[in-house]
Amino acid sequence: MATQADKYTDNIAGKFYCDSQCIDCDLCRETAPDNFKRSDDGGYSFVYKQPANDEEEARCKEAMEGCPVEAIGADGSD
């Protein structure tokens, strides 16, 4: 389960974030490409844009539920 204490500083403020458990599998970037990007320097994913509509929100939730290492959290704050 992702924790705010371990989230990457690249994440934009808001509900969703990725933490240090990320294994750079690309699932979140494929599922929600409008919201997740890869840090080329660090080799991990992060949230670069919080969901702006119901469709993006649903894709972010799908990415979170599908994450093989549970590195995506949805308890972030604005």
PDB file of N, CA and C in Angstrom:
ATOM      1  N   MET A   1       0.831  -1.178   0.000  1.00  0.00           N
ATOM      2  CA  MET A   1       0.000   0.000   0.000  1.00  0.00           C
ATOM      3  C   MET A   1       0.880   1.246   0.000  1.00  0.00           C
ATOM      4  N   ALA A   2       0.580   2.170  -0.900  1.00  0.00           N
ATOM      5  CA  ALA A   2       1.352   3.403  -1.019  1.00  0.00           C
ATOM      6  C   ALA A   2       1.179   4.276   0.225  1.00  0.00           C
ATOM      7  N   THR A   3       2.245   4.981   0.583  1.00  0.00           N
ATOM      8  CA  THR A   3       2.182   5.880   1.729  1.00  0.00           C
ATOM      9  C   THR A   3       2.677   7.266   1.339  1.00  0.00           C
ATOM     10  N   GLN A   4       2.036   8.269   1.894  1.00  0.00           N
ATOM     11  CA  GLN A   4       2.416   9.648   1.609  1.00  0.00           C
ATOM     12  C   GLN A   4       3.846   9.940   2.044  1.00  0.00           C
ATOM     13  N   ALA A   5       4.285   9.307   3.107  1.00  0.00           N
ATOM     14  CA  ALA A   5       5.629   9.554   3.624  1.00  0.00           C
ATOM     15  C   ALA A   5       6.705   9.132   2.622  1.00  0.00           C
ATOM     16  N   ASP A   6       6.381   8.184   1.731  1.00  0.00           N
ATOM     17  CA  ASP A   6       7.349   7.683   0.754  1.00  0.00           C
ATOM     18  C   ASP A   6       7.071   8.149  -0.672  1.00  0.00           C
ATOM     19  N   LYS A   7       6.156   9.114  -0.849  1.00  0.00           N
ATOM     20  CA  LYS A   7       5.820   9.532  -2.211  1.00  0.00           C
ATOM     21  C   LYS A   7       6.945  10.362  -2.812  1.00  0.00           C
ATOM     22  N   TYR A   8       7.074  10.247  -4.127  1.00  0.00           N
ATOM     23  CA  TYR A   8       8.097  10.994  -4.846  1.00  0.00           C
ATOM     24  C   TYR A   8       7.739  12.476  -4.879  1.00  0.00           C
ATOM     25  N   THR A   9       8.744  13.321  -4.788  1.00  0.00           N
ATOM     26  CA  THR A   9       8.519  14.764  -4.804  1.00  0.00           C
ATOM     27  C   THR A   9       8.073  15.260  -6.176  1.00  0.00           C
ATOM     28  N   ASP A  10       8.249  14.450  -7.215  1.00  0.00           N
ATOM     29  CA  ASP A  10       7.815  14.822  -8.563  1.00  0.00           C
ATOM     30  C   ASP A  10       6.293  14.891  -8.674  1.00  0.00           C
ATOM     31  N   ASN A  11       5.578  14.163  -7.811  1.00  0.00           N
ATOM     32  CA  ASN A  11       4.112  14.141  -7.861  1.00  0.00           C
ATOM     33  C   ASN A  11       3.560  15.542  -7.659  1.00  0.00           C
ATOM     34  N   ILE A  12       2.587  15.891  -8.495  1.00  0.00           N
ATOM     35  CA  ILE A  12       1.899  17.163  -8.306  1.00  0.00           C
ATOM     36  C   ILE A  12       0.950  17.000  -7.119  1.00  0.00           C
ATOM     37  N   ALA A  13       0.731  18.068  -6.394  1.00  0.00           N
ATOM     38  CA  ALA A  13      -0.144  18.016  -5.218  1.00  0.00           C
ATOM     39  C   ALA A  13      -1.543  17.560  -5.608  1.00  0.00           C
ATOM     40  N   GLY A  14      -2.139  16.757  -4.746  1.00  0.00           N
ATOM     41  CA  GLY A  14      -3.495  16.288  -4.977  1.00  0.00           C
ATOM     42  C   GLY A  14      -3.717  14.883  -4.465  1.00  0.00           C
ATOM     43  N   LYS A  15      -4.837  14.337  -4.835  1.00  0.00           N
ATOM     44  CA  LYS A  15      -5.298  13.044  -4.334  1.00  0.00           C
ATOM     45  C   LYS A  15      -4.372  11.881  -4.682  1.00  0.00           C
ATOM     46  N   PHE A  16      -3.990  11.748  -5.962  1.00  0.00           N
ATOM     47  CA  PHE A  16      -3.205  10.600  -6.409  1.00  0.00           C
ATOM     48  C   PHE A  16      -1.702  10.898  -6.371  1.00  0.00           C
ATOM     49  N   TYR A  17      -0.922   9.854  -6.119  1.00  0.00           N
ATOM     50  CA  TYR A  17       0.545   9.955  -6.100  1.00  0.00           C
ATOM     51  C   TYR A  17       1.163   8.580  -6.255  1.00  0.00           C
ATOM     52  N   CYS A  18       2.438   8.539  -6.592  1.00  0.00           N
ATOM     53  CA  CYS A  18       3.228   7.296  -6.631  1.00  0.00           C
ATOM     54  C   CYS A  18       4.296   7.394  -5.561  1.00  0.00           C
ATOM     55  N   ASP A  19       4.604   6.262  -4.951  1.00  0.00           N
ATOM     56  CA  ASP A  19       5.644   6.270  -3.931  1.00  0.00           C
ATOM     57  C   ASP A  19       6.845   5.416  -4.349  1.00  0.00           C
ATOM     58  N   SER A  20       7.785   5.272  -3.448  1.00  0.00           N
ATOM     59  CA  SER A  20       9.068   4.638  -3.753  1.00  0.00           C
ATOM     60  C   SER A  20       8.981   3.137  -4.026  1.00  0.00           C
ATOM     61  N   GLN A  21       7.805   2.542  -3.912  1.00  0.00           N
ATOM     62  CA  GLN A  21       7.648   1.123  -4.235  1.00  0.00           C
ATOM     63  C   GLN A  21       7.577   0.887  -5.746  1.00  0.00           C
ATOM     64  N   CYS A  22       7.429   1.946  -6.532  1.00  0.00           N
ATOM     65  CA  CYS A  22       7.254   1.834  -7.980  1.00  0.00           C
ATOM     66  C   CYS A  22       8.415   1.062  -8.611  1.00  0.00           C
ATOM     67  N   ILE A  23       8.052   0.114  -9.487  1.00  0.00           N
ATOM     68  CA  ILE A  23       9.062  -0.694 -10.178  1.00  0.00           C
ATOM     69  C   ILE A  23       9.147  -0.339 -11.670  1.00  0.00           C
ATOM     70  N   ASP A  24       8.538   0.777 -12.049  1.00  0.00           N
ATOM     71  CA  ASP A  24       8.615   1.278 -13.433  1.00  0.00           C
ATOM     72  C   ASP A  24       8.057   0.274 -14.435  1.00  0.00           C
ATOM     73  N   CYS A  25       6.918  -0.334 -14.105  1.00  0.00           N
ATOM     74  CA  CYS A  25       6.344  -1.366 -14.971  1.00  0.00           C
ATOM     75  C   CYS A  25       5.563  -0.790 -16.153  1.00  0.00           C
ATOM     76  N   ASP A  26       5.195   0.487 -16.093  1.00  0.00           N
ATOM     77  CA  ASP A  26       4.505   1.196 -17.176  1.00  0.00           C
ATOM     78  C   ASP A  26       2.993   1.016 -17.166  1.00  0.00           C
ATOM     79  N   LEU A  27       2.439   0.228 -16.272  1.00  0.00           N
ATOM     80  CA  LEU A  27       0.995  -0.005 -16.263  1.00  0.00           C
ATOM     81  C   LEU A  27       0.222   1.301 -16.084  1.00  0.00           C
ATOM     82  N   CYS A  28       0.609   2.123 -15.135  1.00  0.00           N
ATOM     83  CA  CYS A  28      -0.142   3.359 -14.882  1.00  0.00           C
ATOM     84  C   CYS A  28      -0.042   4.325 -16.060  1.00  0.00           C
ATOM     85  N   ARG A  29       1.111   4.374 -16.693  1.00  0.00           N
ATOM     86  CA  ARG A  29       1.294   5.281 -17.836  1.00  0.00           C
ATOM     87  C   ARG A  29       0.487   4.814 -19.037  1.00  0.00           C
ATOM     88  N   GLU A  30       0.282   3.520 -19.165  1.00  0.00           N
ATOM     89  CA  GLU A  30      -0.554   2.992 -20.245  1.00  0.00           C
ATOM     90  C   GLU A  30      -2.037   3.163 -19.927  1.00  0.00           C
ATOM     91  N   THR A  31      -2.392   3.003 -18.673  1.00  0.00           N
ATOM     92  CA  THR A  31      -3.788   3.082 -18.254  1.00  0.00           C
ATOM     93  C   THR A  31      -4.286   4.526 -18.187  1.00  0.00           C
ATOM     94  N   ALA A  32      -3.466   5.414 -17.667  1.00  0.00           N
ATOM     95  CA  ALA A  32      -3.857   6.822 -17.488  1.00  0.00           C
ATOM     96  C   ALA A  32      -2.734   7.741 -17.987  1.00  0.00           C
ATOM     97  N   PRO A  33      -2.492   7.744 -19.298  1.00  0.00           N
ATOM     98  CA  PRO A  33      -1.381   8.523 -19.838  1.00  0.00           C
ATOM     99  C   PRO A  33      -1.513  10.033 -19.665  1.00  0.00           C
ATOM    100  N   ASP A  34      -2.719  10.512 -19.433  1.00  0.00           N
ATOM    101  CA  ASP A  34      -2.915  11.947 -19.213  1.00  0.00           C
ATOM    102  C   ASP A  34      -2.534  12.377 -17.807  1.00  0.00           C
ATOM    103  N   ASN A  35      -2.238  11.414 -16.938  1.00  0.00           N
ATOM    104  CA  ASN A  35      -1.985  11.732 -15.538  1.00  0.00           C
ATOM    105  C   ASN A  35      -0.645  11.237 -15.000  1.00  0.00           C
ATOM    106  N   PHE A  36      -0.100  10.186 -15.605  1.00  0.00           N
ATOM    107  CA  PHE A  36       1.163   9.622 -15.117  1.00  0.00           C
ATOM    108  C   PHE A  36       2.277   9.806 -16.152  1.00  0.00           C
ATOM    109  N   LYS A  37       3.466  10.092 -15.669  1.00  0.00           N
ATOM    110  CA  LYS A  37       4.656  10.188 -16.518  1.00  0.00           C
ATOM    111  C   LYS A  37       5.776   9.398 -15.865  1.00  0.00           C
ATOM    112  N   ARG A  38       6.831   9.189 -16.642  1.00  0.00           N
ATOM    113  CA  ARG A  38       8.013   8.472 -16.157  1.00  0.00           C
ATOM    114  C   ARG A  38       9.127   9.461 -15.841  1.00  0.00           C
ATOM    115  N   SER A  39       9.778   9.253 -14.738  1.00  0.00           N
ATOM    116  CA  SER A  39      10.988  10.005 -14.426  1.00  0.00           C
ATOM    117  C   SER A  39      12.136   9.267 -15.083  1.00  0.00           C
ATOM    118  N   ASP A  40      12.678   9.834 -16.145  1.00  0.00           N
ATOM    119  CA  ASP A  40      13.774   9.179 -16.851  1.00  0.00           C
ATOM    120  C   ASP A  40      15.017   9.087 -15.984  1.00  0.00           C
ATOM    121  N   ASP A  41      15.227  10.063 -15.121  1.00  0.00           N
ATOM    122  CA  ASP A  41      16.403  10.045 -14.246  1.00  0.00           C
ATOM    123  C   ASP A  41      16.279   8.994 -13.151  1.00  0.00           C
ATOM    124  N   GLY A  42      15.070   8.843 -12.606  1.00  0.00           N
ATOM    125  CA  GLY A  42      14.890   7.933 -11.477  1.00  0.00           C
ATOM    126  C   GLY A  42      14.349   6.571 -11.832  1.00  0.00           C
ATOM    127  N   GLY A  43      13.757   6.428 -13.027  1.00  0.00           N
ATOM    128  CA  GLY A  43      13.194   5.141 -13.422  1.00  0.00           C
ATOM    129  C   GLY A  43      11.961   4.760 -12.627  1.00  0.00           C
ATOM    130  N   TYR A  44      11.027   5.676 -12.497  1.00  0.00           N
ATOM    131  CA  TYR A  44       9.774   5.432 -11.787  1.00  0.00           C
ATOM    132  C   TYR A  44       8.684   6.320 -12.373  1.00  0.00           C
ATOM    133  N   SER A  45       7.454   6.038 -12.025  1.00  0.00           N
ATOM    134  CA  SER A  45       6.321   6.846 -12.471  1.00  0.00           C
ATOM    135  C   SER A  45       5.927   7.838 -11.386  1.00  0.00           C
ATOM    136  N   PHE A  46       5.288   8.923 -11.825  1.00  0.00           N
ATOM    137  CA  PHE A  46       4.756   9.906 -10.894  1.00  0.00           C
ATOM    138  C   PHE A  46       3.527  10.559 -11.512  1.00  0.00           C
ATOM    139  N   VAL A  47       2.719  11.186 -10.682  1.00  0.00           N
ATOM    140  CA  VAL A  47       1.519  11.879 -11.149  1.00  0.00           C
ATOM    141  C   VAL A  47       1.920  13.303 -11.519  1.00  0.00           C
ATOM    142  N   TYR A  48       1.789  13.630 -12.805  1.00  0.00           N
ATOM    143  CA  TYR A  48       2.143  14.979 -13.243  1.00  0.00           C
ATOM    144  C   TYR A  48       0.918  15.865 -13.411  1.00  0.00           C
ATOM    145  N   LYS A  49      -0.286  15.236 -13.410  1.00  0.00           N
ATOM    146  CA  LYS A  49      -1.533  15.982 -13.538  1.00  0.00           C
ATOM    147  C   LYS A  49      -2.630  15.204 -12.820  1.00  0.00           C
ATOM    148  N   GLN A  50      -3.272  15.862 -11.881  1.00  0.00           N
ATOM    149  CA  GLN A  50      -4.389  15.231 -11.178  1.00  0.00           C
ATOM    150  C   GLN A  50      -5.584  15.132 -12.128  1.00  0.00           C
ATOM    151  N   PRO A  51      -6.463  14.162 -11.905  1.00  0.00           N
ATOM    152  CA  PRO A  51      -7.628  14.002 -12.783  1.00  0.00           C
ATOM    153  C   PRO A  51      -8.464  15.275 -12.854  1.00  0.00           C
ATOM    154  N   ALA A  52      -8.870  15.620 -14.078  1.00  0.00           N
ATOM    155  CA  ALA A  52      -9.658  16.832 -14.298  1.00  0.00           C
ATOM    156  C   ALA A  52     -11.121  16.529 -14.596  1.00  0.00           C
ATOM    157  N   ASN A  53     -11.452  15.238 -14.740  1.00  0.00           N
ATOM    158  CA  ASN A  53     -12.832  14.865 -15.033  1.00  0.00           C
ATOM    159  C   ASN A  53     -13.062  13.420 -14.570  1.00  0.00           C
ATOM    160  N   ASP A  54     -14.301  12.974 -14.702  1.00  0.00           N
ATOM    161  CA  ASP A  54     -14.658  11.629 -14.223  1.00  0.00           C
ATOM    162  C   ASP A  54     -13.901  10.530 -14.958  1.00  0.00           C
ATOM    163  N   GLU A  55     -13.663  10.706 -16.245  1.00  0.00           N
ATOM    164  CA  GLU A  55     -12.949   9.693 -17.029  1.00  0.00           C
ATOM    165  C   GLU A  55     -11.508   9.548 -16.544  1.00  0.00           C
ATOM    166  N   GLU A  56     -10.830  10.663 -16.328  1.00  0.00           N
ATOM    167  CA  GLU A  56      -9.451  10.606 -15.829  1.00  0.00           C
ATOM    168  C   GLU A  56      -9.416  10.020 -14.425  1.00  0.00           C
ATOM    169  N   GLU A  57     -10.389  10.373 -13.612  1.00  0.00           N
ATOM    170  CA  GLU A  57     -10.473   9.830 -12.249  1.00  0.00           C
ATOM    171  C   GLU A  57     -10.616   8.307 -12.298  1.00  0.00           C
ATOM    172  N   ALA A  58     -11.477   7.832 -13.183  1.00  0.00           N
ATOM    173  CA  ALA A  58     -11.688   6.383 -13.314  1.00  0.00           C
ATOM    174  C   ALA A  58     -10.421   5.687 -13.790  1.00  0.00           C
ATOM    175  N   ARG A  59      -9.695   6.297 -14.707  1.00  0.00           N
ATOM    176  CA  ARG A  59      -8.443   5.695 -15.200  1.00  0.00           C
ATOM    177  C   ARG A  59      -7.374   5.666 -14.112  1.00  0.00           C
ATOM    178  N   CYS A  60      -7.299   6.711 -13.318  1.00  0.00           N
ATOM    179  CA  CYS A  60      -6.331   6.726 -12.219  1.00  0.00           C
ATOM    180  C   CYS A  60      -6.663   5.652 -11.192  1.00  0.00           C
ATOM    181  N   LYS A  61      -7.938   5.483 -10.897  1.00  0.00           N
ATOM    182  CA  LYS A  61      -8.357   4.425  -9.967  1.00  0.00           C
ATOM    183  C   LYS A  61      -8.036   3.049 -10.540  1.00  0.00           C
ATOM    184  N   GLU A  62      -8.257   2.881 -11.842  1.00  0.00           N
ATOM    185  CA  GLU A  62      -7.941   1.609 -12.500  1.00  0.00           C
ATOM    186  C   GLU A  62      -6.440   1.332 -12.417  1.00  0.00           C
ATOM    187  N   ALA A  63      -5.634   2.357 -12.641  1.00  0.00           N
ATOM    188  CA  ALA A  63      -4.178   2.202 -12.542  1.00  0.00           C
ATOM    189  C   ALA A  63      -3.782   1.829 -11.112  1.00  0.00           C
ATOM    190  N   MET A  64      -4.395   2.476 -10.138  1.00  0.00           N
ATOM    191  CA  MET A  64      -4.088   2.189  -8.744  1.00  0.00           C
ATOM    192  C   MET A  64      -4.438   0.746  -8.397  1.00  0.00           C
ATOM    193  N   GLU A  65      -5.608   0.310  -8.825  1.00  0.00           N
ATOM    194  CA  GLU A  65      -6.044  -1.053  -8.522  1.00  0.00           C
ATOM    195  C   GLU A  65      -5.211  -2.103  -9.257  1.00  0.00           C
ATOM    196  N   GLY A  66      -4.673  -1.758 -10.419  1.00  0.00           N
ATOM    197  CA  GLY A  66      -3.886  -2.702 -11.195  1.00  0.00           C
ATOM    198  C   GLY A  66      -2.402  -2.702 -10.880  1.00  0.00           C
ATOM    199  N   CYS A  67      -1.957  -1.723 -10.127  1.00  0.00           N
ATOM    200  CA  CYS A  67      -0.523  -1.607  -9.822  1.00  0.00           C
ATOM    201  C   CYS A  67      -0.037  -2.876  -9.106  1.00  0.00           C
ATOM    202  N   PRO A  68       0.951  -3.571  -9.688  1.00  0.00           N
ATOM    203  CA  PRO A  68       1.385  -4.850  -9.111  1.00  0.00           C
ATOM    204  C   PRO A  68       2.087  -4.736  -7.758  1.00  0.00           C
ATOM    205  N   VAL A  69       2.566  -3.542  -7.417  1.00  0.00           N
ATOM    206  CA  VAL A  69       3.262  -3.380  -6.138  1.00  0.00           C
ATOM    207  C   VAL A  69       2.565  -2.367  -5.222  1.00  0.00           C
ATOM    208  N   GLU A  70       1.352  -1.959  -5.601  1.00  0.00           N
ATOM    209  CA  GLU A  70       0.558  -1.015  -4.812  1.00  0.00           C
ATOM    210  C   GLU A  70       1.315   0.276  -4.511  1.00  0.00           C
ATOM    211  N   ALA A  71       1.977   0.815  -5.545  1.00  0.00           N
ATOM    212  CA  ALA A  71       2.764   2.036  -5.378  1.00  0.00           C
ATOM    213  C   ALA A  71       1.973   3.312  -5.634  1.00  0.00           C
ATOM    214  N   ILE A  72       0.687   3.193  -5.962  1.00  0.00           N
ATOM    215  CA  ILE A  72      -0.150   4.353  -6.231  1.00  0.00           C
ATOM    216  C   ILE A  72      -1.102   4.550  -5.066  1.00  0.00           C
ATOM    217  N   GLY A  73      -1.112   5.766  -4.540  1.00  0.00           N
ATOM    218  CA  GLY A  73      -2.012   6.094  -3.450  1.00  0.00           C
ATOM    219  C   GLY A  73      -3.070   7.083  -3.887  1.00  0.00           C
ATOM    220  N   ALA A  74      -4.173   7.131  -3.171  1.00  0.00           N
ATOM    221  CA  ALA A  74      -5.268   8.056  -3.480  1.00  0.00           C
ATOM    222  C   ALA A  74      -5.713   8.802  -2.235  1.00  0.00           C
ATOM    223  N   ASP A  75      -4.794   8.957  -1.284  1.00  0.00           N
ATOM    224  CA  ASP A  75      -5.133   9.652  -0.061  1.00  0.00           C
ATOM    225  C   ASP A  75      -4.290  10.915   0.123  1.00  0.00           C
ATOM    226  N   GLY A  76      -3.805  11.447  -1.000  1.00  0.00           N
ATOM    227  CA  GLY A  76      -3.023  12.667  -0.957  1.00  0.00           C
ATOM    228  C   GLY A  76      -3.911  13.874  -0.704  1.00  0.00           C
ATOM    229  N   SER A  77      -3.271  14.985  -0.434  1.00  0.00           N
ATOM    230  CA  SER A  77      -4.027  16.211  -0.179  1.00  0.00           C
ATOM    231  C   SER A  77      -3.638  17.290  -1.172  1.00  0.00           C
ATOM    232  N   ASP A  78      -4.500  18.251  -1.311  1.00  0.00           N
ATOM    233  CA  ASP A  78      -4.258  19.345  -2.258  1.00  0.00           C
ATOM    234  C   ASP A  78      -3.239  20.335  -1.756  1.00  0.00           C
TER     235      ASP A  78
END
